[in-house]
């Protein structure tokens, strides 16, 4: 992964944005020698957000199973039947 100083971002923002869009690779921006932000293209960011939403749903399901908050197939069908009528 490429790393750039915040001063480079300030001076060459247009070029860095073009690089990120073209290469689809994030750029780590550092400030005072420390990581400060990632510069990513919109498409990659949105895909990452969609994936996180799916993973969060899976995690909630796993917690529900661990806590015993589950329904049998018949129980689920009965509940859904109310909505499908």
PDB file of N, CA and C in Angstrom:
ATOM      1  N   UNK A   1       0.852  -1.175   0.000  1.00  0.00           N
ATOM      2  CA  UNK A   1       0.000   0.000   0.000  1.00  0.00           C
ATOM      3  C   UNK A   1       0.902   1.245   0.000  1.00  0.00           C
ATOM      4  N   UNK A   2       0.461   2.190  -0.725  1.00  0.00           N
ATOM      5  CA  UNK A   2       1.188   3.449  -0.858  1.00  0.00           C
ATOM      6  C   UNK A   2       0.895   4.347   0.343  1.00  0.00           C
ATOM      7  N   UNK A   3       1.921   5.073   0.784  1.00  0.00           N
ATOM      8  CA  UNK A   3       1.790   6.006   1.893  1.00  0.00           C
ATOM      9  C   UNK A   3       2.248   7.384   1.424  1.00  0.00           C
ATOM     10  N   UNK A   4       1.485   8.393   1.783  1.00  0.00           N
ATOM     11  CA  UNK A   4       1.822   9.769   1.420  1.00  0.00           C
ATOM     12  C   UNK A   4       1.648  10.676   2.637  1.00  0.00           C
ATOM     13  N   UNK A   5       2.416  11.744   2.643  1.00  0.00           N
ATOM     14  CA  UNK A   5       2.305  12.752   3.697  1.00  0.00           C
ATOM     15  C   UNK A   5       1.072  13.618   3.463  1.00  0.00           C
ATOM     16  N   UNK A   6       0.528  14.164   4.511  1.00  0.00           N
ATOM     17  CA  UNK A   6      -0.623  15.056   4.374  1.00  0.00           C
ATOM     18  C   UNK A   6      -0.259  16.272   3.530  1.00  0.00           C
ATOM     19  N   UNK A   7       0.993  16.713   3.595  1.00  0.00           N
ATOM     20  CA  UNK A   7       1.408  17.848   2.767  1.00  0.00           C
ATOM     21  C   UNK A   7       1.357  17.490   1.283  1.00  0.00           C
ATOM     22  N   UNK A   8       1.652  16.238   0.951  1.00  0.00           N
ATOM     23  CA  UNK A   8       1.537  15.787  -0.441  1.00  0.00           C
ATOM     24  C   UNK A   8       0.080  15.828  -0.870  1.00  0.00           C
ATOM     25  N   UNK A   9      -0.816  15.411   0.010  1.00  0.00           N
ATOM     26  CA  UNK A   9      -2.246  15.470  -0.285  1.00  0.00           C
ATOM     27  C   UNK A   9      -2.675  16.910  -0.551  1.00  0.00           C
ATOM     28  N   UNK A  10      -2.189  17.827   0.269  1.00  0.00           N
ATOM     29  CA  UNK A  10      -2.543  19.231   0.096  1.00  0.00           C
ATOM     30  C   UNK A  10      -2.055  19.773  -1.250  1.00  0.00           C
ATOM     31  N   UNK A  11      -0.855  19.389  -1.626  1.00  0.00           N
ATOM     32  CA  UNK A  11      -0.244  19.939  -2.838  1.00  0.00           C
ATOM     33  C   UNK A  11      -0.650  19.218  -4.112  1.00  0.00           C
ATOM     34  N   UNK A  12      -0.963  17.919  -3.999  1.00  0.00           N
ATOM     35  CA  UNK A  12      -1.211  17.119  -5.198  1.00  0.00           C
ATOM     36  C   UNK A  12      -2.523  16.339  -5.104  1.00  0.00           C
ATOM     37  N   UNK A  13      -3.530  16.947  -4.528  1.00  0.00           N
ATOM     38  CA  UNK A  13      -4.802  16.253  -4.304  1.00  0.00           C
ATOM     39  C   UNK A  13      -5.381  15.690  -5.594  1.00  0.00           C
ATOM     40  N   UNK A  14      -5.391  16.465  -6.651  1.00  0.00           N
ATOM     41  CA  UNK A  14      -5.973  16.018  -7.911  1.00  0.00           C
ATOM     42  C   UNK A  14      -5.246  14.784  -8.448  1.00  0.00           C
ATOM     43  N   UNK A  15      -3.909  14.801  -8.369  1.00  0.00           N
ATOM     44  CA  UNK A  15      -3.119  13.659  -8.850  1.00  0.00           C
ATOM     45  C   UNK A  15      -3.369  12.417  -7.991  1.00  0.00           C
ATOM     46  N   UNK A  16      -3.413  12.590  -6.685  1.00  0.00           N
ATOM     47  CA  UNK A  16      -3.647  11.452  -5.793  1.00  0.00           C
ATOM     48  C   UNK A  16      -5.033  10.860  -6.019  1.00  0.00           C
ATOM     49  N   UNK A  17      -6.025  11.718  -6.192  1.00  0.00           N
ATOM     50  CA  UNK A  17      -7.378  11.229  -6.468  1.00  0.00           C
ATOM     51  C   UNK A  17      -7.417  10.448  -7.780  1.00  0.00           C
ATOM     52  N   UNK A  18      -6.728  10.935  -8.781  1.00  0.00           N
ATOM     53  CA  UNK A  18      -6.674  10.230 -10.068  1.00  0.00           C
ATOM     54  C   UNK A  18      -5.991   8.873  -9.907  1.00  0.00           C
ATOM     55  N   UNK A  19      -4.919   8.821  -9.120  1.00  0.00           N
ATOM     56  CA  UNK A  19      -4.209   7.560  -8.877  1.00  0.00           C
ATOM     57  C   UNK A  19      -5.115   6.546  -8.171  1.00  0.00           C
ATOM     58  N   UNK A  20      -5.830   7.013  -7.161  1.00  0.00           N
ATOM     59  CA  UNK A  20      -6.720   6.125  -6.399  1.00  0.00           C
ATOM     60  C   UNK A  20      -7.831   5.586  -7.298  1.00  0.00           C
ATOM     61  N   UNK A  21      -8.401   6.451  -8.108  1.00  0.00           N
ATOM     62  CA  UNK A  21      -9.479   6.029  -9.020  1.00  0.00           C
ATOM     63  C   UNK A  21      -8.960   5.040 -10.058  1.00  0.00           C
ATOM     64  N   UNK A  22      -7.802   5.302 -10.593  1.00  0.00           N
ATOM     65  CA  UNK A  22      -7.229   4.443 -11.631  1.00  0.00           C
ATOM     66  C   UNK A  22      -6.780   3.081 -11.067  1.00  0.00           C
ATOM     67  N   UNK A  23      -6.024   3.113  -9.972  1.00  0.00           N
ATOM     68  CA  UNK A  23      -5.408   1.894  -9.435  1.00  0.00           C
ATOM     69  C   UNK A  23      -6.306   1.098  -8.503  1.00  0.00           C
ATOM     70  N   UNK A  24      -7.355   1.723  -7.989  1.00  0.00           N
ATOM     71  CA  UNK A  24      -8.259   1.070  -7.027  1.00  0.00           C
ATOM     72  C   UNK A  24      -7.513   0.583  -5.783  1.00  0.00           C
ATOM     73  N   UNK A  25      -6.435   1.282  -5.437  1.00  0.00           N
ATOM     74  CA  UNK A  25      -5.649   0.946  -4.256  1.00  0.00           C
ATOM     75  C   UNK A  25      -5.692   2.125  -3.289  1.00  0.00           C
ATOM     76  N   UNK A  26      -5.971   1.865  -2.006  1.00  0.00           N
ATOM     77  CA  UNK A  26      -6.013   2.965  -1.044  1.00  0.00           C
ATOM     78  C   UNK A  26      -4.628   3.577  -0.837  1.00  0.00           C
ATOM     79  N   UNK A  27      -4.622   4.815  -0.435  1.00  0.00           N
ATOM     80  CA  UNK A  27      -3.390   5.502  -0.070  1.00  0.00           C
ATOM     81  C   UNK A  27      -3.519   5.894   1.398  1.00  0.00           C
ATOM     82  N   UNK A  28      -2.520   5.513   2.196  1.00  0.00           N
ATOM     83  CA  UNK A  28      -2.491   5.890   3.610  1.00  0.00           C
ATOM     84  C   UNK A  28      -1.894   7.283   3.713  1.00  0.00           C
ATOM     85  N   UNK A  29      -2.622   8.178   4.358  1.00  0.00           N
ATOM     86  CA  UNK A  29      -2.160   9.544   4.566  1.00  0.00           C
ATOM     87  C   UNK A  29      -1.620   9.648   5.992  1.00  0.00           C
ATOM     88  N   UNK A  30      -0.387  10.142   6.122  1.00  0.00           N
ATOM     89  CA  UNK A  30       0.208  10.296   7.449  1.00  0.00           C
ATOM     90  C   UNK A  30       0.354  11.776   7.788  1.00  0.00           C
ATOM     91  N   UNK A  31       0.266  12.032   9.075  1.00  0.00           N
ATOM     92  CA  UNK A  31       0.433  13.395   9.585  1.00  0.00           C
ATOM     93  C   UNK A  31       1.343  13.308  10.795  1.00  0.00           C
ATOM     94  N   UNK A  32       2.417  14.056  10.789  1.00  0.00           N
ATOM     95  CA  UNK A  32       3.415  14.019  11.863  1.00  0.00           C
ATOM     96  C   UNK A  32       3.949  12.594  12.064  1.00  0.00           C
ATOM     97  N   UNK A  33       4.079  11.858  10.970  1.00  0.00           N
ATOM     98  CA  UNK A  33       4.631  10.513  11.018  1.00  0.00           C
ATOM     99  C   UNK A  33       3.662   9.437  11.475  1.00  0.00           C
ATOM    100  N   UNK A  34       2.408   9.803  11.718  1.00  0.00           N
ATOM    101  CA  UNK A  34       1.420   8.839  12.197  1.00  0.00           C
ATOM    102  C   UNK A  34       0.296   8.674  11.177  1.00  0.00           C
ATOM    103  N   UNK A  35      -0.263   7.467  11.062  1.00  0.00           N
ATOM    104  CA  UNK A  35      -1.404   7.268  10.162  1.00  0.00           C
ATOM    105  C   UNK A  35      -2.549   8.200  10.539  1.00  0.00           C
ATOM    106  N   UNK A  36      -3.130   8.841   9.534  1.00  0.00           N
ATOM    107  CA  UNK A  36      -4.195   9.804   9.801  1.00  0.00           C
ATOM    108  C   UNK A  36      -5.488   9.453   9.077  1.00  0.00           C
ATOM    109  N   UNK A  37      -5.372   8.968   7.829  1.00  0.00           N
ATOM    110  CA  UNK A  37      -6.571   8.672   7.051  1.00  0.00           C
ATOM    111  C   UNK A  37      -6.196   7.792   5.864  1.00  0.00           C
ATOM    112  N   UNK A  38      -7.225   7.170   5.284  1.00  0.00           N
ATOM    113  CA  UNK A  38      -7.054   6.432   4.040  1.00  0.00           C
ATOM    114  C   UNK A  38      -7.807   7.170   2.953  1.00  0.00           C
ATOM    115  N   UNK A  39      -7.204   7.240   1.800  1.00  0.00           N
ATOM    116  CA  UNK A  39      -7.848   7.807   0.631  1.00  0.00           C
ATOM    117  C   UNK A  39      -8.233   6.632  -0.262  1.00  0.00           C
ATOM    118  N   UNK A  40      -9.546   6.439  -0.465  1.00  0.00           N
ATOM    119  CA  UNK A  40     -10.030   5.307  -1.263  1.00  0.00           C
ATOM    120  C   UNK A  40     -11.016   5.801  -2.312  1.00  0.00           C
ATOM    121  N   UNK A  41     -11.138   5.027  -3.380  1.00  0.00           N
ATOM    122  CA  UNK A  41     -12.099   5.393  -4.411  1.00  0.00           C
ATOM    123  C   UNK A  41     -13.518   5.062  -3.929  1.00  0.00           C
ATOM    124  N   UNK A  42     -14.479   5.749  -4.490  1.00  0.00           N
ATOM    125  CA  UNK A  42     -15.871   5.635  -4.062  1.00  0.00           C
ATOM    126  C   UNK A  42     -16.398   4.214  -4.236  1.00  0.00           C
ATOM    127  N   UNK A  43     -16.134   3.597  -5.373  1.00  0.00           N
ATOM    128  CA  UNK A  43     -16.655   2.249  -5.634  1.00  0.00           C
ATOM    129  C   UNK A  43     -16.156   1.245  -4.603  1.00  0.00           C
ATOM    130  N   UNK A  44     -14.865   1.288  -4.283  1.00  0.00           N
ATOM    131  CA  UNK A  44     -14.303   0.375  -3.290  1.00  0.00           C
ATOM    132  C   UNK A  44     -14.887   0.635  -1.908  1.00  0.00           C
ATOM    133  N   UNK A  45     -15.051   1.910  -1.560  1.00  0.00           N
ATOM    134  CA  UNK A  45     -15.619   2.258  -0.267  1.00  0.00           C
ATOM    135  C   UNK A  45     -17.044   1.736  -0.138  1.00  0.00           C
ATOM    136  N   UNK A  46     -17.863   1.948  -1.168  1.00  0.00           N
ATOM    137  CA  UNK A  46     -19.251   1.504  -1.112  1.00  0.00           C
ATOM    138  C   UNK A  46     -19.351  -0.013  -1.046  1.00  0.00           C
ATOM    139  N   UNK A  47     -18.506  -0.717  -1.771  1.00  0.00           N
ATOM    140  CA  UNK A  47     -18.486  -2.181  -1.713  1.00  0.00           C
ATOM    141  C   UNK A  47     -18.100  -2.652  -0.315  1.00  0.00           C
ATOM    142  N   UNK A  48     -17.121  -1.986   0.271  1.00  0.00           N
ATOM    143  CA  UNK A  48     -16.699  -2.334   1.630  1.00  0.00           C
ATOM    144  C   UNK A  48     -17.852  -2.121   2.624  1.00  0.00           C
ATOM    145  N   UNK A  49     -18.599  -1.048   2.475  1.00  0.00           N
ATOM    146  CA  UNK A  49     -19.727  -0.784   3.363  1.00  0.00           C
ATOM    147  C   UNK A  49     -20.814  -1.851   3.213  1.00  0.00           C
ATOM    148  N   UNK A  50     -21.080  -2.267   1.981  1.00  0.00           N
ATOM    149  CA  UNK A  50     -22.064  -3.332   1.748  1.00  0.00           C
ATOM    150  C   UNK A  50     -21.618  -4.632   2.406  1.00  0.00           C
ATOM    151  N   UNK A  51     -20.348  -4.956   2.270  1.00  0.00           N
ATOM    152  CA  UNK A  51     -19.811  -6.176   2.899  1.00  0.00           C
ATOM    153  C   UNK A  51     -19.917  -6.106   4.413  1.00  0.00           C
ATOM    154  N   UNK A  52     -19.637  -4.933   4.981  1.00  0.00           N
ATOM    155  CA  UNK A  52     -19.738  -4.776   6.435  1.00  0.00           C
ATOM    156  C   UNK A  52     -21.168  -4.980   6.902  1.00  0.00           C
ATOM    157  N   UNK A  53     -22.124  -4.505   6.144  1.00  0.00           N
ATOM    158  CA  UNK A  53     -23.532  -4.674   6.496  1.00  0.00           C
ATOM    159  C   UNK A  53     -23.892  -6.160   6.541  1.00  0.00           C
ATOM    160  N   UNK A  54     -23.431  -6.914   5.556  1.00  0.00           N
ATOM    161  CA  UNK A  54     -23.687  -8.360   5.523  1.00  0.00           C
ATOM    162  C   UNK A  54     -23.026  -9.041   6.712  1.00  0.00           C
ATOM    163  N   UNK A  55     -21.771  -8.699   6.981  1.00  0.00           N
ATOM    164  CA  UNK A  55     -21.051  -9.318   8.099  1.00  0.00           C
ATOM    165  C   UNK A  55     -21.698  -8.982   9.444  1.00  0.00           C
ATOM    166  N   UNK A  56     -22.199  -7.763   9.591  1.00  0.00           N
ATOM    167  CA  UNK A  56     -22.883  -7.392  10.832  1.00  0.00           C
ATOM    168  C   UNK A  56     -24.161  -8.204  11.012  1.00  0.00           C
ATOM    169  N   UNK A  57     -24.872  -8.457   9.929  1.00  0.00           N
ATOM    170  CA  UNK A  57     -26.067  -9.301   9.992  1.00  0.00           C
ATOM    171  C   UNK A  57     -25.734 -10.724  10.402  1.00  0.00           C
ATOM    172  N   UNK A  58     -24.656 -11.255   9.847  1.00  0.00           N
ATOM    173  CA  UNK A  58     -24.217 -12.606  10.213  1.00  0.00           C
ATOM    174  C   UNK A  58     -23.847 -12.642  11.693  1.00  0.00           C
ATOM    175  N   UNK A  59     -23.137 -11.638  12.157  1.00  0.00           N
ATOM    176  CA  UNK A  59     -22.737 -11.591  13.573  1.00  0.00           C
ATOM    177  C   UNK A  59     -23.960 -11.535  14.485  1.00  0.00           C
ATOM    178  N   UNK A  60     -24.980 -10.745  14.105  1.00  0.00           N
ATOM    179  CA  UNK A  60     -26.207 -10.692  14.918  1.00  0.00           C
ATOM    180  C   UNK A  60     -26.885 -12.059  14.947  1.00  0.00           C
ATOM    181  N   UNK A  61     -26.879 -12.754  13.812  1.00  0.00           N
ATOM    182  CA  UNK A  61     -27.465 -14.092  13.758  1.00  0.00           C
ATOM    183  C   UNK A  61     -26.721 -15.074  14.636  1.00  0.00           C
ATOM    184  N   UNK A  62     -25.408 -15.000  14.627  1.00  0.00           N
ATOM    185  CA  UNK A  62     -24.613 -15.896  15.470  1.00  0.00           C
ATOM    186  C   UNK A  62     -24.865 -15.633  16.947  1.00  0.00           C
ATOM    187  N   UNK A  63     -25.016 -14.379  17.310  1.00  0.00           N
ATOM    188  CA  UNK A  63     -25.318 -14.036  18.709  1.00  0.00           C
ATOM    189  C   UNK A  63     -26.692 -14.569  19.090  1.00  0.00           C
ATOM    190  N   UNK A  64     -27.674 -14.416  18.201  1.00  0.00           N
ATOM    191  CA  UNK A  64     -29.024 -14.921  18.475  1.00  0.00           C
ATOM    192  C   UNK A  64     -28.997 -16.432  18.684  1.00  0.00           C
ATOM    193  N   UNK A  65     -28.235 -17.141  17.869  1.00  0.00           N
ATOM    194  CA  UNK A  65     -28.127 -18.597  18.024  1.00  0.00           C
ATOM    195  C   UNK A  65     -27.496 -18.931  19.368  1.00  0.00           C
ATOM    196  N   UNK A  66     -26.413 -18.245  19.712  1.00  0.00           N
ATOM    197  CA  UNK A  66     -25.725 -18.505  20.982  1.00  0.00           C
ATOM    198  C   UNK A  66     -26.632 -18.230  22.179  1.00  0.00           C
ATOM    199  N   UNK A  67     -27.527 -17.259  22.043  1.00  0.00           N
ATOM    200  CA  UNK A  67     -28.444 -16.907  23.135  1.00  0.00           C
ATOM    201  C   UNK A  67     -29.732 -17.723  23.094  1.00  0.00           C
ATOM    202  N   UNK A  68     -29.846 -18.592  22.120  1.00  0.00           N
ATOM    203  CA  UNK A  68     -31.029 -19.436  22.024  1.00  0.00           C
ATOM    204  C   UNK A  68     -32.249 -18.730  21.461  1.00  0.00           C
ATOM    205  N   UNK A  69     -32.055 -17.597  20.822  1.00  0.00           N
ATOM    206  CA  UNK A  69     -33.182 -16.859  20.246  1.00  0.00           C
ATOM    207  C   UNK A  69     -33.390 -17.318  18.801  1.00  0.00           C
ATOM    208  N   UNK A  70     -33.905 -18.535  18.658  1.00  0.00           N
ATOM    209  CA  UNK A  70     -34.132 -19.101  17.326  1.00  0.00           C
ATOM    210  C   UNK A  70     -35.559 -19.641  17.226  1.00  0.00           C
ATOM    211  N   UNK A  71     -35.993 -19.883  16.005  1.00  0.00           N
ATOM    212  CA  UNK A  71     -37.310 -20.460  15.746  1.00  0.00           C
ATOM    213  C   UNK A  71     -37.138 -21.720  14.914  1.00  0.00           C
ATOM    214  N   UNK A  72     -38.064 -22.635  15.074  1.00  0.00           N
ATOM    215  CA  UNK A  72     -38.077 -23.803  14.195  1.00  0.00           C
ATOM    216  C   UNK A  72     -38.566 -23.342  12.818  1.00  0.00           C
ATOM    217  N   UNK A  73     -38.423 -24.210  11.831  1.00  0.00           N
ATOM    218  CA  UNK A  73     -38.889 -23.890  10.482  1.00  0.00           C
ATOM    219  C   UNK A  73     -40.400 -23.624  10.498  1.00  0.00           C
ATOM    220  N   UNK A  74     -41.116 -24.430  11.219  1.00  0.00           N
ATOM    221  CA  UNK A  74     -42.574 -24.269  11.294  1.00  0.00           C
ATOM    222  C   UNK A  74     -42.948 -22.953  11.964  1.00  0.00           C
ATOM    223  N   UNK A  75     -42.260 -22.610  13.054  1.00  0.00           N
ATOM    224  CA  UNK A  75     -42.541 -21.357  13.751  1.00  0.00           C
ATOM    225  C   UNK A  75     -42.251 -20.153  12.841  1.00  0.00           C
ATOM    226  N   UNK A  76     -41.140 -20.220  12.136  1.00  0.00           N
ATOM    227  CA  UNK A  76     -40.785 -19.126  11.228  1.00  0.00           C
ATOM    228  C   UNK A  76     -41.816 -19.005  10.110  1.00  0.00           C
ATOM    229  N   UNK A  77     -42.251 -20.130   9.577  1.00  0.00           N
ATOM    230  CA  UNK A  77     -43.272 -20.120   8.531  1.00  0.00           C
ATOM    231  C   UNK A  77     -44.570 -19.505   9.009  1.00  0.00           C
ATOM    232  N   UNK A  78     -44.934 -19.823  10.238  1.00  0.00           N
ATOM    233  CA  UNK A  78     -46.168 -19.276  10.802  1.00  0.00           C
ATOM    234  C   UNK A  78     -46.072 -17.754  10.947  1.00  0.00           C
ATOM    235  N   UNK A  79     -44.937 -17.280  11.459  1.00  0.00           N
ATOM    236  CA  UNK A  79     -44.752 -15.836  11.605  1.00  0.00           C
ATOM    237  C   UNK A  79     -44.730 -15.127  10.252  1.00  0.00           C
ATOM    238  N   UNK A  80     -44.011 -15.693   9.308  1.00  0.00           N
ATOM    239  CA  UNK A  80     -43.925 -15.079   7.986  1.00  0.00           C
ATOM    240  C   UNK A  80     -45.246 -15.134   7.244  1.00  0.00           C
ATOM    241  N   UNK A  81     -46.034 -16.176   7.534  1.00  0.00           N
ATOM    242  CA  UNK A  81     -47.332 -16.318   6.882  1.00  0.00           C
ATOM    243  C   UNK A  81     -48.231 -15.121   7.125  1.00  0.00           C
ATOM    244  N   UNK A  82     -48.100 -14.509   8.288  1.00  0.00           N
ATOM    245  CA  UNK A  82     -48.889 -13.315   8.614  1.00  0.00           C
ATOM    246  C   UNK A  82     -48.551 -12.170   7.655  1.00  0.00           C
ATOM    247  N   UNK A  83     -47.315 -12.097   7.255  1.00  0.00           N
ATOM    248  CA  UNK A  83     -46.871 -11.006   6.383  1.00  0.00           C
ATOM    249  C   UNK A  83     -47.115 -11.306   4.924  1.00  0.00           C
ATOM    250  N   UNK A  84     -47.201 -12.565   4.574  1.00  0.00           N
ATOM    251  CA  UNK A  84     -47.308 -12.945   3.172  1.00  0.00           C
ATOM    252  C   UNK A  84     -48.732 -13.068   2.671  1.00  0.00           C
ATOM    253  N   UNK A  85     -49.699 -12.881   3.536  1.00  0.00           N
ATOM    254  CA  UNK A  85     -51.107 -13.013   3.147  1.00  0.00           C
ATOM    255  C   UNK A  85     -51.590 -11.803   2.419  1.00  0.00           C
TER     256      UNK A  85
END
